[in-house]
Structures are given as C-alpha cells and as structure tokens.
Amino acid sequence: MTTKLERRRPTSEELAHYNPEKGAKSIRAAEAAEKFYAKAKDSDRLYEAIEAKLTLQAEFVAWWDTHGPGANHGAPKGNRNAKKQS
C-alpha cells in the first residue's frame, strides 16, 4: 500500500523549530532509499523516495531563507555587469 505525499508549505512556526541537523539526516535517508529502490527497480517506491527527498529539501531551503544563515543575506546591490551611463 502506497501513501501519497501532500505538498504543503511549512508554517513560520514550524520553520522556527526546524532542526537542520535532523533535516539533513532525513534528506540523506531519502537519498539512500532513492538509490535502493532505483537499483531494485521498484518504480512506485522510487517515486515516493524522490518525492520525500524533494519535500525535505524544500523544507530545508524554506528554513534557510527565513530562519537560517540565508535569512541575513539580501539580494546584491546593483548589477556589476550593467553598463555605466555617462
């Protein structure tokens, strides 16, 4: 029996309590499952493993951008490749 993963955005409160070490461990476990099911040629479980990995990665990125180290970095100021007007 397979279960369908729900796509959802984590809430701000969930992101504030996100554990990046645990998240990284979960991502590694999903990657291991992906490799195992690919080798076993079990397409249903492979799909689930890939979906889980992508969901976990999206949660990490959301945490990084809002509460993690990436939250303090804004967009670069100005375009260094833009031509100067004289």
N, C-alpha and C. Protein backbone atom coordinates (compact mmCIF):
# COMPACT_ATOMS: atom_id res chain seq x y z
N MET A 1 0.85 -1.17 0.00
CA MET A 1 0.00 0.00 0.00
C MET A 1 0.89 1.24 0.00
N THR A 2 0.63 2.12 -0.91
CA THR A 2 1.42 3.35 -1.00
C THR A 2 0.60 4.52 -0.48
N THR A 3 1.30 5.50 0.04
CA THR A 3 0.63 6.71 0.50
C THR A 3 1.11 7.87 -0.34
N LYS A 4 0.21 8.74 -0.65
CA LYS A 4 0.56 9.92 -1.46
C LYS A 4 1.03 11.03 -0.52
N LEU A 5 2.15 11.61 -0.84
CA LEU A 5 2.68 12.70 -0.05
C LEU A 5 1.95 13.98 -0.40
N GLU A 6 1.64 14.74 0.62
CA GLU A 6 0.97 16.02 0.40
C GLU A 6 2.01 17.12 0.21
N ARG A 7 1.75 17.99 -0.75
CA ARG A 7 2.62 19.14 -0.95
C ARG A 7 2.06 20.28 -0.12
N ARG A 8 2.89 20.80 0.74
CA ARG A 8 2.45 21.91 1.56
C ARG A 8 3.66 22.74 1.94
N ARG A 9 3.39 23.98 2.27
CA ARG A 9 4.46 24.87 2.72
C ARG A 9 4.47 24.82 4.25
N PRO A 10 5.67 24.68 4.84
CA PRO A 10 5.73 24.68 6.29
C PRO A 10 5.35 26.06 6.84
N THR A 11 4.72 26.06 8.00
CA THR A 11 4.34 27.33 8.62
C THR A 11 5.57 28.01 9.20
N SER A 12 5.44 29.28 9.50
CA SER A 12 6.54 30.04 10.08
C SER A 12 6.95 29.43 11.43
N GLU A 13 5.98 28.98 12.19
CA GLU A 13 6.27 28.36 13.49
C GLU A 13 7.06 27.05 13.31
N GLU A 14 6.67 26.26 12.32
CA GLU A 14 7.40 25.02 12.05
C GLU A 14 8.83 25.33 11.63
N LEU A 15 9.01 26.35 10.83
CA LEU A 15 10.35 26.72 10.38
C LEU A 15 11.21 27.22 11.53
N ALA A 16 10.60 27.91 12.48
CA ALA A 16 11.34 28.42 13.63
C ALA A 16 11.87 27.27 14.48
N HIS A 17 11.19 26.12 14.46
CA HIS A 17 11.58 24.96 15.26
C HIS A 17 12.28 23.90 14.41
N TYR A 18 12.59 24.22 13.18
CA TYR A 18 13.23 23.27 12.27
C TYR A 18 14.63 22.94 12.78
N ASN A 19 14.97 21.66 12.77
CA ASN A 19 16.29 21.20 13.19
C ASN A 19 17.08 20.85 11.93
N PRO A 20 18.05 21.69 11.52
CA PRO A 20 18.75 21.43 10.26
C PRO A 20 19.59 20.15 10.28
N GLU A 21 20.11 19.75 11.44
CA GLU A 21 20.87 18.50 11.51
C GLU A 21 19.95 17.31 11.26
N LYS A 22 18.79 17.33 11.90
CA LYS A 22 17.82 16.25 11.70
C LYS A 22 17.30 16.27 10.26
N GLY A 23 17.10 17.47 9.71
CA GLY A 23 16.64 17.60 8.33
C GLY A 23 17.65 17.03 7.35
N ALA A 24 18.94 17.32 7.58
CA ALA A 24 19.99 16.79 6.70
C ALA A 24 20.05 15.27 6.78
N LYS A 25 19.87 14.74 7.98
CA LYS A 25 19.88 13.28 8.17
C LYS A 25 18.69 12.65 7.42
N SER A 26 17.54 13.29 7.48
CA SER A 26 16.36 12.79 6.78
C SER A 26 16.56 12.83 5.27
N ILE A 27 17.20 13.90 4.78
CA ILE A 27 17.48 14.01 3.35
C ILE A 27 18.41 12.88 2.91
N ARG A 28 19.46 12.61 3.71
CA ARG A 28 20.38 11.52 3.38
C ARG A 28 19.66 10.18 3.37
N ALA A 29 18.74 9.97 4.29
CA ALA A 29 17.98 8.71 4.33
C ALA A 29 17.10 8.58 3.08
N ALA A 30 16.48 9.68 2.68
CA ALA A 30 15.64 9.66 1.47
C ALA A 30 16.48 9.40 0.24
N GLU A 31 17.70 9.97 0.19
CA GLU A 31 18.60 9.72 -0.95
C GLU A 31 19.02 8.25 -0.99
N ALA A 32 19.28 7.66 0.18
CA ALA A 32 19.64 6.24 0.24
C ALA A 32 18.48 5.38 -0.24
N ALA A 33 17.26 5.73 0.17
CA ALA A 33 16.07 4.99 -0.27
C ALA A 33 15.91 5.12 -1.78
N GLU A 34 16.16 6.33 -2.30
CA GLU A 34 16.05 6.55 -3.74
C GLU A 34 17.01 5.63 -4.50
N LYS A 35 18.25 5.55 -4.05
CA LYS A 35 19.24 4.69 -4.71
C LYS A 35 18.85 3.22 -4.60
N PHE A 36 18.37 2.82 -3.42
CA PHE A 36 17.98 1.42 -3.21
C PHE A 36 16.84 1.02 -4.14
N TYR A 37 15.78 1.84 -4.17
CA TYR A 37 14.62 1.50 -5.00
C TYR A 37 14.91 1.61 -6.49
N ALA A 38 15.85 2.48 -6.87
CA ALA A 38 16.25 2.55 -8.27
C ALA A 38 16.95 1.26 -8.67
N LYS A 39 17.82 0.79 -7.80
CA LYS A 39 18.54 -0.45 -8.07
C LYS A 39 17.59 -1.64 -8.06
N ALA A 40 16.60 -1.61 -7.15
CA ALA A 40 15.63 -2.70 -7.05
C ALA A 40 14.57 -2.63 -8.16
N LYS A 41 14.57 -1.54 -8.91
CA LYS A 41 13.61 -1.32 -9.99
C LYS A 41 12.16 -1.36 -9.49
N ASP A 42 11.96 -0.75 -8.33
CA ASP A 42 10.62 -0.61 -7.75
C ASP A 42 10.18 0.83 -8.00
N SER A 43 9.50 1.04 -9.11
CA SER A 43 9.18 2.40 -9.53
C SER A 43 8.23 3.13 -8.58
N ASP A 44 7.28 2.41 -7.97
CA ASP A 44 6.36 3.07 -7.04
C ASP A 44 7.09 3.62 -5.82
N ARG A 45 7.93 2.82 -5.23
CA ARG A 45 8.66 3.27 -4.04
C ARG A 45 9.77 4.26 -4.42
N LEU A 46 10.32 4.13 -5.60
CA LEU A 46 11.31 5.10 -6.08
C LEU A 46 10.66 6.48 -6.18
N TYR A 47 9.47 6.51 -6.75
CA TYR A 47 8.74 7.77 -6.86
C TYR A 47 8.51 8.38 -5.48
N GLU A 48 8.09 7.56 -4.51
CA GLU A 48 7.84 8.04 -3.16
C GLU A 48 9.12 8.57 -2.52
N ALA A 49 10.23 7.87 -2.73
CA ALA A 49 11.52 8.30 -2.15
C ALA A 49 11.96 9.63 -2.75
N ILE A 50 11.80 9.79 -4.05
CA ILE A 50 12.17 11.05 -4.70
C ILE A 50 11.27 12.18 -4.21
N GLU A 51 9.98 11.91 -4.12
CA GLU A 51 9.04 12.92 -3.63
C GLU A 51 9.39 13.34 -2.20
N ALA A 52 9.72 12.36 -1.35
CA ALA A 52 10.10 12.66 0.03
C ALA A 52 11.37 13.50 0.08
N LYS A 53 12.36 13.13 -0.74
CA LYS A 53 13.63 13.88 -0.76
C LYS A 53 13.39 15.32 -1.19
N LEU A 54 12.60 15.52 -2.22
CA LEU A 54 12.33 16.88 -2.70
C LEU A 54 11.57 17.70 -1.66
N THR A 55 10.63 17.07 -0.97
CA THR A 55 9.88 17.75 0.08
C THR A 55 10.80 18.17 1.22
N LEU A 56 11.68 17.26 1.63
CA LEU A 56 12.63 17.56 2.71
C LEU A 56 13.60 18.66 2.30
N GLN A 57 14.05 18.63 1.06
CA GLN A 57 14.95 19.67 0.57
C GLN A 57 14.25 21.02 0.53
N ALA A 58 12.98 21.03 0.13
CA ALA A 58 12.21 22.28 0.09
C ALA A 58 12.04 22.85 1.49
N GLU A 59 11.81 21.98 2.48
CA GLU A 59 11.69 22.45 3.86
C GLU A 59 13.00 23.07 4.34
N PHE A 60 14.12 22.44 3.98
CA PHE A 60 15.42 22.97 4.37
C PHE A 60 15.65 24.34 3.75
N VAL A 61 15.35 24.48 2.47
CA VAL A 61 15.55 25.76 1.78
C VAL A 61 14.65 26.83 2.39
N ALA A 62 13.40 26.48 2.71
CA ALA A 62 12.49 27.44 3.33
C ALA A 62 13.04 27.90 4.67
N TRP A 63 13.57 26.95 5.46
CA TRP A 63 14.18 27.32 6.75
C TRP A 63 15.40 28.21 6.52
N TRP A 64 16.25 27.82 5.58
CA TRP A 64 17.49 28.57 5.31
C TRP A 64 17.17 30.02 4.95
N ASP A 65 16.17 30.19 4.10
CA ASP A 65 15.83 31.53 3.62
C ASP A 65 15.12 32.39 4.66
N THR A 66 14.46 31.78 5.65
CA THR A 66 13.68 32.56 6.61
C THR A 66 14.30 32.63 8.00
N HIS A 67 14.86 31.53 8.48
CA HIS A 67 15.38 31.50 9.84
C HIS A 67 16.86 31.10 9.92
N GLY A 68 17.39 30.56 8.87
CA GLY A 68 18.77 30.09 8.86
C GLY A 68 19.75 31.16 8.43
N PRO A 69 20.98 30.75 8.13
CA PRO A 69 22.01 31.71 7.73
C PRO A 69 21.66 32.51 6.48
N GLY A 70 20.85 31.97 5.61
CA GLY A 70 20.49 32.68 4.39
C GLY A 70 19.53 33.83 4.62
N ALA A 71 18.92 33.89 5.80
CA ALA A 71 17.95 34.94 6.08
C ALA A 71 18.60 36.31 6.17
N ASN A 72 19.89 36.34 6.49
CA ASN A 72 20.58 37.62 6.68
C ASN A 72 21.21 38.16 5.41
N HIS A 73 21.05 37.46 4.32
CA HIS A 73 21.68 37.87 3.07
C HIS A 73 20.61 38.35 2.11
N GLY A 74 20.73 39.57 1.73
CA GLY A 74 19.78 40.14 0.78
C GLY A 74 20.30 40.00 -0.64
N ALA A 75 19.54 40.49 -1.55
CA ALA A 75 19.95 40.49 -2.95
C ALA A 75 21.13 41.44 -3.11
N PRO A 76 22.01 41.16 -4.05
CA PRO A 76 23.13 42.06 -4.26
C PRO A 76 22.66 43.44 -4.68
N LYS A 77 23.39 44.44 -4.24
CA LYS A 77 23.01 45.82 -4.57
C LYS A 77 23.64 46.21 -5.89
N GLY A 78 22.81 46.53 -6.84
CA GLY A 78 23.29 46.94 -8.13
C GLY A 78 23.74 45.75 -8.98
N ASN A 79 23.89 46.00 -10.24
CA ASN A 79 24.35 44.98 -11.16
C ASN A 79 25.73 45.36 -11.63
N ARG A 80 26.72 44.61 -11.23
CA ARG A 80 28.10 44.98 -11.58
C ARG A 80 28.37 44.82 -13.06
N ASN A 81 27.50 44.10 -13.76
CA ASN A 81 27.67 43.91 -15.20
C ASN A 81 26.94 44.94 -16.04
N ALA A 82 26.19 45.80 -15.37
CA ALA A 82 25.41 46.82 -16.09
C ALA A 82 26.36 47.91 -16.61
N LYS A 83 26.04 48.44 -17.77
CA LYS A 83 26.86 49.49 -18.35
C LYS A 83 26.58 50.80 -17.62
N LYS A 84 27.67 51.52 -17.33
CA LYS A 84 27.52 52.81 -16.67
C LYS A 84 27.10 53.86 -17.69
N GLN A 85 26.18 54.70 -17.26
CA GLN A 85 25.71 55.78 -18.13
C GLN A 85 26.58 57.00 -17.89
N SER A 86 27.09 57.65 -18.92
CA SER A 86 27.95 58.82 -18.74
C SER A 86 27.19 60.07 -19.04
